[in-house]
Structures are given as C-alpha cells and as structure tokens.
Amino acid sequence: MNVILFLIPLALLMSLIGLGAFIWSLRSGQYDDLEGEALRILEDDDDKPLADR
C-alpha cells in the first residue's frame, strides 16, 4: 500500500513532464510543415557522381 503513495505522484509528475514537452513542441513549430519533411527524403540531391568502382 505504501508503494501506491509513491507511484501516484510519480505518474502525475511524469504525465506533466510529457504534457509540457508536447506543448513546447507545438510552440516551437515542430508540426508546422509535415508534408515538406516527408517529401524531402524522396529528393535525389546527390551533387557528386559516385566514384568509379
């Protein structure tokens, strides 16, 4: 029973930390351009040709 008195405040603290991290990510613009980042990996922007093997 004493463990519950430790785990409930710990769970609340961890959830507040997670909520704070989520709000920080929203305010810092992490979710502004989802499609641009997803399409960037598809671009072939190799400027240098591969060396002859």
Protein backbone atom coordinates (compact mmCIF):
# COMPACT_ATOMS: atom_id res chain seq x y z
CA MET A 1 0.00 0.00 0.00
CA ASN A 2 2.90 2.35 0.63
CA VAL A 3 4.05 1.84 -2.95
CA ILE A 4 0.85 3.46 -4.25
CA LEU A 5 1.66 6.60 -2.28
CA PHE A 6 4.92 6.76 -4.23
CA LEU A 7 3.65 5.69 -7.66
CA ILE A 8 0.65 8.02 -8.00
CA PRO A 9 2.66 11.26 -7.55
CA LEU A 10 5.38 9.84 -9.79
CA ALA A 11 2.84 9.06 -12.52
CA LEU A 12 1.35 12.55 -12.21
CA LEU A 13 4.78 14.13 -12.42
CA MET A 14 5.72 12.10 -15.50
CA SER A 15 2.44 12.99 -17.21
CA LEU A 16 3.00 16.69 -16.51
CA ILE A 17 6.51 16.44 -17.95
CA GLY A 18 5.12 14.74 -21.07
CA LEU A 19 2.40 17.36 -21.45
CA GLY A 20 4.96 20.13 -21.03
CA ALA A 21 7.19 18.57 -23.71
CA PHE A 22 4.21 18.31 -26.08
CA ILE A 23 3.19 21.93 -25.54
CA TRP A 24 6.81 23.03 -26.02
CA SER A 25 6.97 21.12 -29.32
CA LEU A 26 3.77 22.79 -30.51
CA ARG A 27 5.02 26.27 -29.67
CA SER A 28 8.44 25.73 -31.22
CA GLY A 29 6.95 24.78 -34.60
CA GLN A 30 7.76 21.09 -34.73
CA TYR A 31 4.48 20.30 -36.55
CA ASP A 32 4.35 23.22 -38.98
CA ASP A 33 5.37 21.53 -42.25
CA LEU A 34 4.65 17.81 -42.12
CA GLU A 35 4.47 17.23 -45.88
CA GLY A 36 7.71 19.06 -46.70
CA GLU A 37 9.73 16.93 -44.31
CA ALA A 38 8.09 13.75 -45.57
CA LEU A 39 8.91 14.54 -49.20
CA ARG A 40 12.48 15.66 -48.53
CA ILE A 41 13.70 12.08 -48.19
CA LEU A 42 12.47 11.31 -51.71
CA GLU A 43 14.57 14.02 -53.36
CA ASP A 44 17.72 12.91 -55.09
CA ASP A 45 20.15 15.70 -54.35
CA ASP A 46 23.47 13.96 -54.87
CA ASP A 47 25.70 16.62 -56.38
CA LYS A 48 28.80 14.47 -56.75
CA PRO A 49 28.82 11.42 -59.04
CA LEU A 50 29.82 8.14 -57.47
CA ALA A 51 33.48 7.16 -57.88
CA ASP A 52 34.26 4.52 -60.49
CA ARG A 53 34.43 1.08 -58.96
